[in-house]
C-alpha atoms as a PDB file:
ATOM      1  CA  UNK A   1    -162.831   7.476  59.221  1.00  0.00           C
ATOM      2  CA  UNK A   2    -164.310   9.126  55.951  1.00  0.00           C
ATOM      3  CA  UNK A   3    -162.228   9.860  53.415  1.00  0.00           C
ATOM      4  CA  UNK A   4    -163.658  12.714  51.423  1.00  0.00           C
ATOM      5  CA  UNK A   5    -163.209  13.449  47.923  1.00  0.00           C
ATOM      6  CA  UNK A   6    -159.714  15.777  47.797  1.00  0.00           C
ATOM      7  CA  UNK A   7    -157.810  12.792  49.879  1.00  0.00           C
ATOM      8  CA  UNK A   8    -159.093  10.770  47.183  1.00  0.00           C
ATOM      9  CA  UNK A   9    -157.936  12.153  44.093  1.00  0.00           C
ATOM     10  CA  UNK A  10    -154.863  13.703  46.004  1.00  0.00           C
ATOM     11  CA  UNK A  11    -154.057   9.933  46.793  1.00  0.00           C
ATOM     12  CA  UNK A  12    -154.840   8.678  43.074  1.00  0.00           C
ATOM     13  CA  UNK A  13    -152.392  11.382  41.503  1.00  0.00           C
ATOM     14  CA  UNK A  14    -149.724  10.469  43.806  1.00  0.00           C
ATOM     15  CA  UNK A  15    -150.101   7.028  42.737  1.00  0.00           C
ATOM     16  CA  UNK A  16    -150.313   8.154  38.936  1.00  0.00           C
ATOM     17  CA  UNK A  17    -147.458  10.291  39.052  1.00  0.00           C
ATOM     18  CA  UNK A  18    -145.397   7.523  41.149  1.00  0.00           C
ATOM     19  CA  UNK A  19    -146.080   5.005  38.222  1.00  0.00           C
ATOM     20  CA  UNK A  20    -144.923   7.516  35.621  1.00  0.00           C
ATOM     21  CA  UNK A  21    -142.028   8.705  37.771  1.00  0.00           C
ATOM     22  CA  UNK A  22    -140.645   4.784  37.838  1.00  0.00           C
ATOM     23  CA  UNK A  23    -141.396   3.694  34.077  1.00  0.00           C
ATOM     24  CA  UNK A  24    -139.711   6.733  32.660  1.00  0.00           C
ATOM     25  CA  UNK A  25    -135.929   5.885  32.491  1.00  0.00           C
ATOM     26  CA  UNK A  26    -136.552   2.796  30.733  1.00  0.00           C
ATOM     27  CA  UNK A  27    -138.956   4.134  28.123  1.00  0.00           C
ATOM     28  CA  UNK A  28    -136.137   6.784  27.560  1.00  0.00           C
ATOM     29  CA  UNK A  29    -133.487   4.153  27.537  1.00  0.00           C
ATOM     30  CA  UNK A  30    -135.954   2.229  24.745  1.00  0.00           C
ATOM     31  CA  UNK A  31    -136.187   5.231  22.565  1.00  0.00           C
ATOM     32  CA  UNK A  32    -132.552   6.309  22.532  1.00  0.00           C
ATOM     33  CA  UNK A  33    -131.237   2.208  22.413  1.00  0.00           C
ATOM     34  CA  UNK A  34    -134.381   2.262  19.471  1.00  0.00           C
ATOM     35  CA  UNK A  35    -132.629   5.755  17.724  1.00  0.00           C
ATOM     36  CA  UNK A  36    -129.082   4.084  17.883  1.00  0.00           C
ATOM     37  CA  UNK A  37    -130.102   1.024  16.362  1.00  0.00           C
ATOM     38  CA  UNK A  38    -132.073   2.975  13.414  1.00  0.00           C
ATOM     39  CA  UNK A  39    -128.943   4.998  13.002  1.00  0.00           C
ATOM     40  CA  UNK A  40    -126.330   2.298  12.815  1.00  0.00           C
ATOM     41  CA  UNK A  41    -128.976   0.524  10.267  1.00  0.00           C
ATOM     42  CA  UNK A  42    -129.185   3.377   8.238  1.00  0.00           C
ATOM     43  CA  UNK A  43    -125.532   4.219   8.184  1.00  0.00           C
ATOM     44  CA  UNK A  44    -124.979   0.206   7.478  1.00  0.00           C
ATOM     45  CA  UNK A  45    -127.581   0.822   4.168  1.00  0.00           C
ATOM     46  CA  UNK A  46    -125.554   3.621   3.389  1.00  0.00           C
ATOM     47  CA  UNK A  47    -122.219   1.957   3.392  1.00  0.00           C
ATOM     48  CA  UNK A  48    -123.883  -1.098   1.332  1.00  0.00           C
ATOM     49  CA  UNK A  49    -125.424   1.356  -1.054  1.00  0.00           C
ATOM     50  CA  UNK A  50    -121.603   3.083  -1.976  1.00  0.00           C
ATOM     51  CA  UNK A  51    -120.142  -0.023  -2.450  1.00  0.00           C
ATOM     52  CA  UNK A  52    -122.505  -1.332  -4.784  1.00  0.00           C
ATOM     53  CA  UNK A  53    -122.896   1.860  -6.823  1.00  0.00           C
ATOM     54  CA  UNK A  54    -118.642   1.841  -6.938  1.00  0.00           C
ATOM     55  CA  UNK A  55    -118.118  -1.685  -7.190  1.00  0.00           C
ATOM     56  CA  UNK A  56    -120.499  -2.827 -10.270  1.00  0.00           C
ATOM     57  CA  UNK A  57    -121.508  -6.304 -10.572  1.00  0.00           C
ATOM     58  CA  UNK A  58    -118.864  -8.983 -12.120  1.00  0.00           C
ATOM     59  CA  UNK A  59    -121.502  -9.620 -15.193  1.00  0.00           C
ATOM     60  CA  UNK A  60    -120.695  -5.824 -16.288  1.00  0.00           C
ATOM     61  CA  UNK A  61    -116.892  -5.835 -15.932  1.00  0.00           C
ATOM     62  CA  UNK A  62    -116.671  -8.838 -17.913  1.00  0.00           C
ATOM     63  CA  UNK A  63    -118.432  -7.702 -21.007  1.00  0.00           C
ATOM     64  CA  UNK A  64    -116.793  -4.179 -20.709  1.00  0.00           C
ATOM     65  CA  UNK A  65    -113.494  -3.031 -22.271  1.00  0.00           C
ATOM     66  CA  UNK A  66    -110.628  -3.902 -19.920  1.00  0.00           C
ATOM     67  CA  UNK A  67    -108.858  -1.178 -18.133  1.00  0.00           C
ATOM     68  CA  UNK A  68    -105.493   0.331 -19.631  1.00  0.00           C
ATOM     69  CA  UNK A  69    -103.501  -1.447 -16.440  1.00  0.00           C
ATOM     70  CA  UNK A  70    -105.519  -4.618 -17.104  1.00  0.00           C
ATOM     71  CA  UNK A  71    -105.075  -4.498 -20.984  1.00  0.00           C
ATOM     72  CA  UNK A  72    -100.850  -3.699 -20.406  1.00  0.00           C
ATOM     73  CA  UNK A  73    -100.639  -6.498 -17.900  1.00  0.00           C
ATOM     74  CA  UNK A  74    -102.296  -8.920 -20.686  1.00  0.00           C
ATOM     75  CA  UNK A  75    -100.395  -7.804 -23.327  1.00  0.00           C
ATOM     76  CA  UNK A  76     -96.972  -6.722 -22.976  1.00  0.00           C
ATOM     77  CA  UNK A  77     -96.483  -6.071 -26.283  1.00  0.00           C
ATOM     78  CA  UNK A  78     -98.661  -3.812 -27.043  1.00  0.00           C
ATOM     79  CA  UNK A  79     -96.178  -1.009 -27.514  1.00  0.00           C
ATOM     80  CA  UNK A  80     -94.390  -2.984 -30.017  1.00  0.00           C
ATOM     81  CA  UNK A  81     -97.515  -4.083 -31.894  1.00  0.00           C
ATOM     82  CA  UNK A  82     -99.052  -0.835 -32.339  1.00  0.00           C
ATOM     83  CA  UNK A  83     -96.122   0.151 -34.249  1.00  0.00           C
ATOM     84  CA  UNK A  84     -95.579  -2.910 -36.357  1.00  0.00           C
ATOM     85  CA  UNK A  85     -97.892  -2.648 -39.622  1.00  0.00           C
ATOM     86  CA  UNK A  86    -100.540  -5.239 -40.412  1.00  0.00           C
ATOM     87  CA  UNK A  87     -98.866  -8.380 -40.990  1.00  0.00           C
ATOM     88  CA  UNK A  88    -100.583 -11.537 -41.140  1.00  0.00           C
ATOM     89  CA  UNK A  89     -99.399 -15.240 -40.039  1.00  0.00           C
ATOM     90  CA  UNK A  90     -98.332 -17.945 -42.048  1.00  0.00           C
ATOM     91  CA  UNK A  91     -99.991 -20.673 -41.857  1.00  0.00           C
ATOM     92  CA  UNK A  92     -98.432 -23.663 -40.322  1.00  0.00           C
ATOM     93  CA  UNK A  93     -95.663 -20.888 -38.956  1.00  0.00           C
ATOM     94  CA  UNK A  94     -95.399 -19.462 -35.427  1.00  0.00           C
ATOM     95  CA  UNK A  95     -95.873 -16.179 -34.979  1.00  0.00           C
ATOM     96  CA  UNK A  96     -92.826 -15.337 -33.497  1.00  0.00           C
ATOM     97  CA  UNK A  97     -90.941 -16.600 -36.632  1.00  0.00           C
ATOM     98  CA  UNK A  98     -92.454 -14.062 -39.439  1.00  0.00           C
ATOM     99  CA  UNK A  99     -90.648 -10.839 -39.693  1.00  0.00           C
ATOM    100  CA  UNK A 100     -92.744  -7.504 -39.942  1.00  0.00           C
ATOM    101  CA  UNK A 101     -91.694  -4.672 -41.663  1.00  0.00           C
ATOM    102  CA  UNK A 102     -88.659  -2.372 -40.253  1.00  0.00           C
ATOM    103  CA  UNK A 103     -89.468   0.907 -39.392  1.00  0.00           C
ATOM    104  CA  UNK A 104     -87.162   3.190 -37.400  1.00  0.00           C
ATOM    105  CA  UNK A 105     -89.476   6.154 -37.367  1.00  0.00           C
ATOM    106  CA  UNK A 106     -93.114   6.672 -37.584  1.00  0.00           C
ATOM    107  CA  UNK A 107     -94.126  10.037 -38.868  1.00  0.00           C
ATOM    108  CA  UNK A 108     -92.195  13.387 -39.546  1.00  0.00           C
ATOM    109  CA  UNK A 109     -92.960  14.546 -36.347  1.00  0.00           C
ATOM    110  CA  UNK A 110     -91.126  11.709 -34.684  1.00  0.00           C
ATOM    111  CA  UNK A 111     -88.617  11.997 -37.019  1.00  0.00           C
ATOM    112  CA  UNK A 112     -87.605  15.569 -36.646  1.00  0.00           C
ATOM    113  CA  UNK A 113     -87.637  15.181 -32.771  1.00  0.00           C
ATOM    114  CA  UNK A 114     -86.044  12.068 -32.245  1.00  0.00           C
ATOM    115  CA  UNK A 115     -83.259  12.477 -34.444  1.00  0.00           C
ATOM    116  CA  UNK A 116     -79.955  14.177 -32.963  1.00  0.00           C
ATOM    117  CA  UNK A 117     -79.625  17.798 -31.904  1.00  0.00           C
ATOM    118  CA  UNK A 118     -76.938  18.920 -33.927  1.00  0.00           C
ATOM    119  CA  UNK A 119     -77.864  17.280 -36.962  1.00  0.00           C
ATOM    120  CA  UNK A 120     -81.679  18.776 -36.936  1.00  0.00           C
ATOM    121  CA  UNK A 121     -80.229  22.276 -35.897  1.00  0.00           C
ATOM    122  CA  UNK A 122     -77.699  22.530 -39.173  1.00  0.00           C
ATOM    123  CA  UNK A 123     -80.625  20.823 -41.419  1.00  0.00           C
ATOM    124  CA  UNK A 124     -82.763  23.847 -40.467  1.00  0.00           C
ATOM    125  CA  UNK A 125     -80.300  26.417 -40.955  1.00  0.00           C
ATOM    126  CA  UNK A 126     -79.485  24.876 -44.580  1.00  0.00           C
ATOM    127  CA  UNK A 127     -83.182  25.250 -45.190  1.00  0.00           C
ATOM    128  CA  UNK A 128     -83.377  28.646 -43.646  1.00  0.00           C
ATOM    129  CA  UNK A 129     -80.590  30.082 -45.749  1.00  0.00           C
ATOM    130  CA  UNK A 130     -81.930  28.289 -49.271  1.00  0.00           C
ATOM    131  CA  UNK A 131     -84.954  30.454 -48.835  1.00  0.00           C
ATOM    132  CA  UNK A 132     -87.655  27.753 -48.504  1.00  0.00           C
ATOM    133  CA  UNK A 133     -91.542  28.257 -49.055  1.00  0.00           C
ATOM    134  CA  UNK A 134     -92.628  28.680 -45.701  1.00  0.00           C
ATOM    135  CA  UNK A 135     -89.832  28.475 -43.618  1.00  0.00           C
ATOM    136  CA  UNK A 136     -90.361  31.584 -42.044  1.00  0.00           C
ATOM    137  CA  UNK A 137     -93.703  30.808 -40.272  1.00  0.00           C
ATOM    138  CA  UNK A 138     -92.647  27.412 -39.488  1.00  0.00           C
ATOM    139  CA  UNK A 139     -89.584  28.747 -37.546  1.00  0.00           C
ATOM    140  CA  UNK A 140     -92.029  31.618 -36.027  1.00  0.00           C
ATOM    141  CA  UNK A 141     -94.074  28.327 -34.525  1.00  0.00           C
ATOM    142  CA  UNK A 142     -90.548  26.855 -33.116  1.00  0.00           C
ATOM    143  CA  UNK A 143     -90.562  24.208 -35.510  1.00  0.00           C
ATOM    144  CA  UNK A 144     -93.756  22.640 -35.018  1.00  0.00           C
ATOM    145  CA  UNK A 145     -94.133  19.846 -37.325  1.00  0.00           C
ATOM    146  CA  UNK A 146     -97.745  20.542 -37.631  1.00  0.00           C
ATOM    147  CA  UNK A 147     -96.770  23.989 -39.082  1.00  0.00           C
ATOM    148  CA  UNK A 148     -94.032  22.170 -41.562  1.00  0.00           C
ATOM    149  CA  UNK A 149     -95.212  22.373 -45.457  1.00  0.00           C
ATOM    150  CA  UNK A 150     -94.867  19.918 -48.183  1.00  0.00           C
ATOM    151  CA  UNK A 151     -91.802  22.094 -49.288  1.00  0.00           C
ATOM    152  CA  UNK A 152     -89.825  22.525 -45.322  1.00  0.00           C
ATOM    153  CA  UNK A 153     -90.397  18.999 -44.825  1.00  0.00           C
ATOM    154  CA  UNK A 154     -89.070  17.951 -48.476  1.00  0.00           C
ATOM    155  CA  UNK A 155     -85.785  20.354 -48.036  1.00  0.00           C
ATOM    156  CA  UNK A 156     -85.399  18.855 -44.842  1.00  0.00           C
ATOM    157  CA  UNK A 157     -85.409  15.276 -45.567  1.00  0.00           C
ATOM    158  CA  UNK A 158     -82.984  15.861 -48.403  1.00  0.00           C
ATOM    159  CA  UNK A 159     -80.678  17.650 -46.059  1.00  0.00           C
ATOM    160  CA  UNK A 160     -80.894  14.911 -43.776  1.00  0.00           C
ATOM    161  CA  UNK A 161     -80.029  12.199 -46.170  1.00  0.00           C
ATOM    162  CA  UNK A 162     -77.272  14.266 -47.552  1.00  0.00           C
ATOM    163  CA  UNK A 163     -75.756  14.811 -44.484  1.00  0.00           C
ATOM    164  CA  UNK A 164     -76.247  10.706 -43.252  1.00  0.00           C
ATOM    165  CA  UNK A 165     -74.575   9.698 -46.706  1.00  0.00           C
ATOM    166  CA  UNK A 166     -71.720  11.779 -45.909  1.00  0.00           C
ATOM    167  CA  UNK A 167     -70.901  10.376 -42.340  1.00  0.00           C
ATOM    168  CA  UNK A 168     -71.463   6.951 -43.331  1.00  0.00           C
ATOM    169  CA  UNK A 169     -68.802   7.768 -45.655  1.00  0.00           C
ATOM    170  CA  UNK A 170     -66.784   9.388 -43.295  1.00  0.00           C
ATOM    171  CA  UNK A 171     -66.751   6.597 -40.368  1.00  0.00           C
ATOM    172  CA  UNK A 172     -65.783   4.256 -43.606  1.00  0.00           C
ATOM    173  CA  UNK A 173     -69.010   2.130 -42.773  1.00  0.00           C
ATOM    174  CA  UNK A 174     -70.070  -0.045 -46.038  1.00  0.00           C
ATOM    175  CA  UNK A 175     -72.899  -2.359 -44.274  1.00  0.00           C
ATOM    176  CA  UNK A 176     -75.554  -2.091 -46.592  1.00  0.00           C
ATOM    177  CA  UNK A 177     -77.680  -3.740 -43.948  1.00  0.00           C
ATOM    178  CA  UNK A 178     -77.862  -0.329 -41.962  1.00  0.00           C
ATOM    179  CA  UNK A 179     -77.988   1.666 -44.677  1.00  0.00           C
ATOM    180  CA  UNK A 180     -81.526   3.642 -44.930  1.00  0.00           C
ATOM    181  CA  UNK A 181     -82.962   5.826 -47.749  1.00  0.00           C
ATOM    182  CA  UNK A 182     -85.949   9.032 -47.662  1.00  0.00           C
ATOM    183  CA  UNK A 183     -89.478   7.695 -48.464  1.00  0.00           C
ATOM    184  CA  UNK A 184     -90.947  11.089 -49.892  1.00  0.00           C
ATOM    185  CA  UNK A 185     -94.520   9.989 -48.940  1.00  0.00           C
ATOM    186  CA  UNK A 186     -94.166   9.769 -44.846  1.00  0.00           C
ATOM    187  CA  UNK A 187     -91.055  12.605 -45.144  1.00  0.00           C
ATOM    188  CA  UNK A 188     -88.572   9.751 -42.596  1.00  0.00           C
ATOM    189  CA  UNK A 189     -85.765   7.918 -43.257  1.00  0.00           C
ATOM    190  CA  UNK A 190     -86.234   4.230 -43.071  1.00  0.00           C
ATOM    191  CA  UNK A 191     -84.000   1.123 -43.559  1.00  0.00           C
ATOM    192  CA  UNK A 192     -83.264  -0.692 -46.707  1.00  0.00           C
ATOM    193  CA  UNK A 193     -85.667  -3.559 -46.110  1.00  0.00           C
ATOM    194  CA  UNK A 194     -88.335  -1.317 -46.027  1.00  0.00           C
ATOM    195  CA  UNK A 195     -88.382  -0.365 -49.916  1.00  0.00           C
ATOM    196  CA  UNK A 196     -89.147  -2.088 -52.776  1.00  0.00           C
ATOM    197  CA  UNK A 197     -86.560  -3.403 -55.072  1.00  0.00           C
ATOM    198  CA  UNK A 198     -88.224  -2.345 -58.358  1.00  0.00           C
ATOM    199  CA  UNK A 199     -90.760  -0.253 -57.648  1.00  0.00           C
ATOM    200  CA  UNK A 200     -93.648   1.666 -59.889  1.00  0.00           C
ATOM    201  CA  UNK A 201     -93.872   5.040 -61.199  1.00  0.00           C
ATOM    202  CA  UNK A 202     -96.664   6.735 -59.586  1.00  0.00           C
ATOM    203  CA  UNK A 203     -97.356  10.330 -60.951  1.00  0.00           C
ATOM    204  CA  UNK A 204     -99.192  12.371 -58.155  1.00  0.00           C
ATOM    205  CA  UNK A 205    -101.757  15.183 -59.287  1.00  0.00           C
ATOM    206  CA  UNK A 206    -103.961  17.347 -57.296  1.00  0.00           C
ATOM    207  CA  UNK A 207    -107.053  14.334 -58.651  1.00  0.00           C
ATOM    208  CA  UNK A 208    -105.361  11.598 -57.317  1.00  0.00           C
ATOM    209  CA  UNK A 209    -102.959   8.820 -58.151  1.00  0.00           C
ATOM    210  CA  UNK A 210    -102.216   7.679 -61.816  1.00  0.00           C
ATOM    211  CA  UNK A 211     -99.786   4.604 -61.821  1.00  0.00           C
ATOM    212  CA  UNK A 212     -97.192   3.584 -64.596  1.00  0.00           C
ATOM    213  CA  UNK A 213     -95.677   0.096 -63.934  1.00  0.00           C
ATOM    214  CA  UNK A 214     -91.740  -0.229 -64.288  1.00  0.00           C
ATOM    215  CA  UNK A 215     -92.025  -2.452 -67.575  1.00  0.00           C
ATOM    216  CA  UNK A 216     -93.672  -0.187 -69.513  1.00  0.00           C
ATOM    217  CA  UNK A 217     -92.018   0.721 -72.594  1.00  0.00           C
ATOM    218  CA  UNK A 218     -93.348   4.312 -73.210  1.00  0.00           C
ATOM    219  CA  UNK A 219     -92.049   7.073 -71.890  1.00  0.00           C
ATOM    220  CA  UNK A 220     -93.334   8.455 -68.691  1.00  0.00           C
ATOM    221  CA  UNK A 221     -95.602  11.720 -69.349  1.00  0.00           C
ATOM    222  CA  UNK A 222     -96.808  13.731 -67.101  1.00  0.00           C
ATOM    223  CA  UNK A 223     -99.881  16.154 -67.408  1.00  0.00           C
ATOM    224  CA  UNK A 224    -100.122  19.785 -66.129  1.00  0.00           C
ATOM    225  CA  UNK A 225     -99.960  19.630 -62.460  1.00  0.00           C
ATOM    226  CA  UNK A 226     -98.782  16.202 -62.157  1.00  0.00           C
ATOM    227  CA  UNK A 227     -95.440  15.157 -60.461  1.00  0.00           C
ATOM    228  CA  UNK A 228     -93.387  12.016 -60.038  1.00  0.00           C
ATOM    229  CA  UNK A 229     -93.424  10.199 -57.007  1.00  0.00           C
ATOM    230  CA  UNK A 230     -89.405   9.999 -56.139  1.00  0.00           C
ATOM    231  CA  UNK A 231     -89.288   6.979 -53.324  1.00  0.00           C
ATOM    232  CA  UNK A 232     -92.089   5.638 -51.136  1.00  0.00           C
ATOM    233  CA  UNK A 233     -91.897   3.138 -48.586  1.00  0.00           C
ATOM    234  CA  UNK A 234     -93.430  -0.276 -48.735  1.00  0.00           C
ATOM    235  CA  UNK A 235     -96.097   0.920 -46.064  1.00  0.00           C
ATOM    236  CA  UNK A 236     -96.443   3.976 -47.468  1.00  0.00           C
ATOM    237  CA  UNK A 237     -97.724   2.313 -50.606  1.00  0.00           C
ATOM    238  CA  UNK A 238     -99.962   0.137 -49.000  1.00  0.00           C
ATOM    239  CA  UNK A 239    -101.638   2.434 -46.538  1.00  0.00           C
ATOM    240  CA  UNK A 240    -102.140   4.986 -49.557  1.00  0.00           C
ATOM    241  CA  UNK A 241    -103.007   2.639 -51.927  1.00  0.00           C
ATOM    242  CA  UNK A 242    -100.576   2.846 -54.219  1.00  0.00           C
ATOM    243  CA  UNK A 243    -100.549  -0.739 -54.928  1.00  0.00           C
ATOM    244  CA  UNK A 244    -103.111  -2.779 -56.172  1.00  0.00           C
ATOM    245  CA  UNK A 245    -104.971  -5.709 -54.800  1.00  0.00           C
ATOM    246  CA  UNK A 246    -103.312  -9.134 -54.570  1.00  0.00           C
ATOM    247  CA  UNK A 247     -99.852  -7.572 -55.186  1.00  0.00           C
ATOM    248  CA  UNK A 248     -96.391  -9.008 -54.683  1.00  0.00           C
ATOM    249  CA  UNK A 249     -93.703  -7.053 -53.600  1.00  0.00           C
ATOM    250  CA  UNK A 250     -90.227  -7.438 -53.164  1.00  0.00           C
ATOM    251  CA  UNK A 251     -88.209  -5.659 -50.988  1.00  0.00           C
ATOM    252  CA  UNK A 252     -84.395  -4.541 -51.566  1.00  0.00           C
ATOM    253  CA  UNK A 253     -83.100  -7.066 -48.797  1.00  0.00           C
ATOM    254  CA  UNK A 254     -84.680 -10.012 -51.389  1.00  0.00           C
ATOM    255  CA  UNK A 255     -88.154 -10.744 -49.228  1.00  0.00           C
ATOM    256  CA  UNK A 256     -91.524 -11.091 -50.570  1.00  0.00           C
ATOM    257  CA  UNK A 257     -94.693  -9.624 -49.416  1.00  0.00           C
ATOM    258  CA  UNK A 258     -98.033 -10.437 -50.927  1.00  0.00           C
ATOM    259  CA  UNK A 259    -100.523  -7.805 -50.276  1.00  0.00           C
ATOM    260  CA  UNK A 260    -104.948  -9.409 -49.861  1.00  0.00           C
ATOM    261  CA  UNK A 261    -108.001  -8.084 -50.536  1.00  0.00           C
ATOM    262  CA  UNK A 262    -108.540  -6.770 -47.225  1.00  0.00           C
ATOM    263  CA  UNK A 263    -105.166  -4.318 -47.745  1.00  0.00           C
ATOM    264  CA  UNK A 264    -103.079  -6.528 -45.371  1.00  0.00           C
ATOM    265  CA  UNK A 265     -99.197  -7.780 -45.851  1.00  0.00           C
ATOM    266  CA  UNK A 266     -98.572 -11.395 -45.587  1.00  0.00           C
ATOM    267  CA  UNK A 267     -94.815 -12.384 -45.177  1.00  0.00           C
ATOM    268  CA  UNK A 268     -94.201 -15.099 -47.877  1.00  0.00           C
ATOM    269  CA  UNK A 269     -91.602 -17.672 -46.593  1.00  0.00           C
ATOM    270  CA  UNK A 270     -88.971 -19.442 -48.605  1.00  0.00           C
ATOM    271  CA  UNK A 271     -90.470 -22.634 -47.115  1.00  0.00           C
ATOM    272  CA  UNK A 272     -94.353 -22.083 -47.666  1.00  0.00           C
ATOM    273  CA  UNK A 273     -94.659 -19.666 -50.683  1.00  0.00           C
ATOM    274  CA  UNK A 274     -98.545 -20.381 -50.878  1.00  0.00           C
ATOM    275  CA  UNK A 275    -100.124 -17.931 -48.103  1.00  0.00           C
ATOM    276  CA  UNK A 276    -103.887 -17.438 -47.631  1.00  0.00           C
ATOM    277  CA  UNK A 277    -105.386 -14.737 -45.757  1.00  0.00           C
ATOM    278  CA  UNK A 278    -107.378 -15.875 -42.684  1.00  0.00           C
ATOM    279  CA  UNK A 279    -109.613 -12.696 -43.064  1.00  0.00           C
ATOM    280  CA  UNK A 280    -110.599 -12.335 -46.432  1.00  0.00           C
ATOM    281  CA  UNK A 281    -109.670 -16.049 -47.120  1.00  0.00           C
ATOM    282  CA  UNK A 282    -107.830 -14.767 -50.286  1.00  0.00           C
ATOM    283  CA  UNK A 283    -104.871 -17.152 -51.699  1.00  0.00           C
ATOM    284  CA  UNK A 284    -101.477 -15.396 -52.954  1.00  0.00           C
ATOM    285  CA  UNK A 285    -100.862 -18.504 -55.450  1.00  0.00           C
ATOM    286  CA  UNK A 286     -96.884 -17.370 -55.489  1.00  0.00           C
ATOM    287  CA  UNK A 287     -94.616 -20.543 -56.644  1.00  0.00           C
ATOM    288  CA  UNK A 288     -91.214 -20.205 -56.980  1.00  0.00           C
ATOM    289  CA  UNK A 289     -89.835 -20.799 -60.433  1.00  0.00           C
ATOM    290  CA  UNK A 290     -87.258 -23.723 -60.673  1.00  0.00           C
ATOM    291  CA  UNK A 291     -85.650 -23.178 -63.582  1.00  0.00           C
ATOM    292  CA  UNK A 292     -83.626 -26.433 -63.488  1.00  0.00           C
ATOM    293  CA  UNK A 293     -86.361 -28.693 -63.639  1.00  0.00           C
ATOM    294  CA  UNK A 294     -88.713 -26.392 -65.780  1.00  0.00           C
ATOM    295  CA  UNK A 295     -90.946 -28.710 -68.069  1.00  0.00           C
ATOM    296  CA  UNK A 296     -88.116 -31.448 -68.210  1.00  0.00           C
ATOM    297  CA  UNK A 297     -91.050 -33.951 -68.125  1.00  0.00           C
ATOM    298  CA  UNK A 298     -93.343 -31.861 -69.949  1.00  0.00           C
ATOM    299  CA  UNK A 299     -91.399 -31.260 -73.224  1.00  0.00           C
ATOM    300  CA  UNK A 300     -89.871 -28.134 -72.451  1.00  0.00           C
ATOM    301  CA  UNK A 301     -86.373 -27.198 -72.046  1.00  0.00           C
ATOM    302  CA  UNK A 302     -84.712 -25.008 -69.350  1.00  0.00           C
ATOM    303  CA  UNK A 303     -83.911 -21.398 -69.858  1.00  0.00           C
ATOM    304  CA  UNK A 304     -80.288 -22.051 -71.004  1.00  0.00           C
ATOM    305  CA  UNK A 305     -80.881 -24.728 -73.574  1.00  0.00           C
ATOM    306  CA  UNK A 306     -83.688 -22.830 -75.517  1.00  0.00           C
ATOM    307  CA  UNK A 307     -81.141 -19.592 -75.732  1.00  0.00           C
ATOM    308  CA  UNK A 308     -78.953 -21.783 -77.229  1.00  0.00           C
ATOM    309  CA  UNK A 309     -81.711 -23.508 -79.322  1.00  0.00           C
ATOM    310  CA  UNK A 310     -83.133 -20.836 -80.537  1.00  0.00           C
ATOM    311  CA  UNK A 311     -79.590 -18.922 -80.876  1.00  0.00           C
ATOM    312  CA  UNK A 312     -78.453 -21.719 -83.643  1.00  0.00           C
END
């Protein structure tokens, strides 16, 4: 039986349609699987990029500045170290054995808001009645320490020191260790050990600071516009340049401090009088004078014997 062209065309078309229909589900499933794998790989790549961006490599973390939490955990005494002045360590002595300059208050703001509210209000009322220059503007700013003039700070400090002395006399406390004095440079009350025993007379002028030593025999002559600085603590003297380099400072509690050329205070131990700064390599050169054995083998006499010989 002969097959016409039309029948042959229909058979070929039916065979092709069946083959296409049988292969369509596999192709669709393969395409969907490929798409899913591509999507999952893209998501993994995105997550990996995010992790790399959020977590820098170890080398960059090690060379950068440590975080605040890491710094606090590594230095538990960071708060105390920030309050202490730059005091050098005596060679051969442990760091914990080196005393630091005591400081009750950091600055005038800390001194104003840390003290008792009763004494603070009474002192503010006193300077209000006295009519101190700039008190009205300071009161309008709710006694913000930033708006306090030098006259207001001075008057407030005088009133606080006066009331503190009255309270000490009323309570009957004569302990000299807890005695506090006023520093007219930072306008705060500081303990006795924070001040020099025999400080220099300092004249403050609008053009700078002029020094006059204690052992001078000439009278103190203040020029026009100059004023005599009443009292200042050791730390203010170092910070404001009131002490020259290589100065030996003796506190009221008979502790000796040496100021090196890089403006750092070093405590002089009684057992190790010579101190060397590890930063500027300077040496104190301080030697305690032993009068009993002074010059016994070199032809000199002790101080008592020399005075006796001169009197004869």
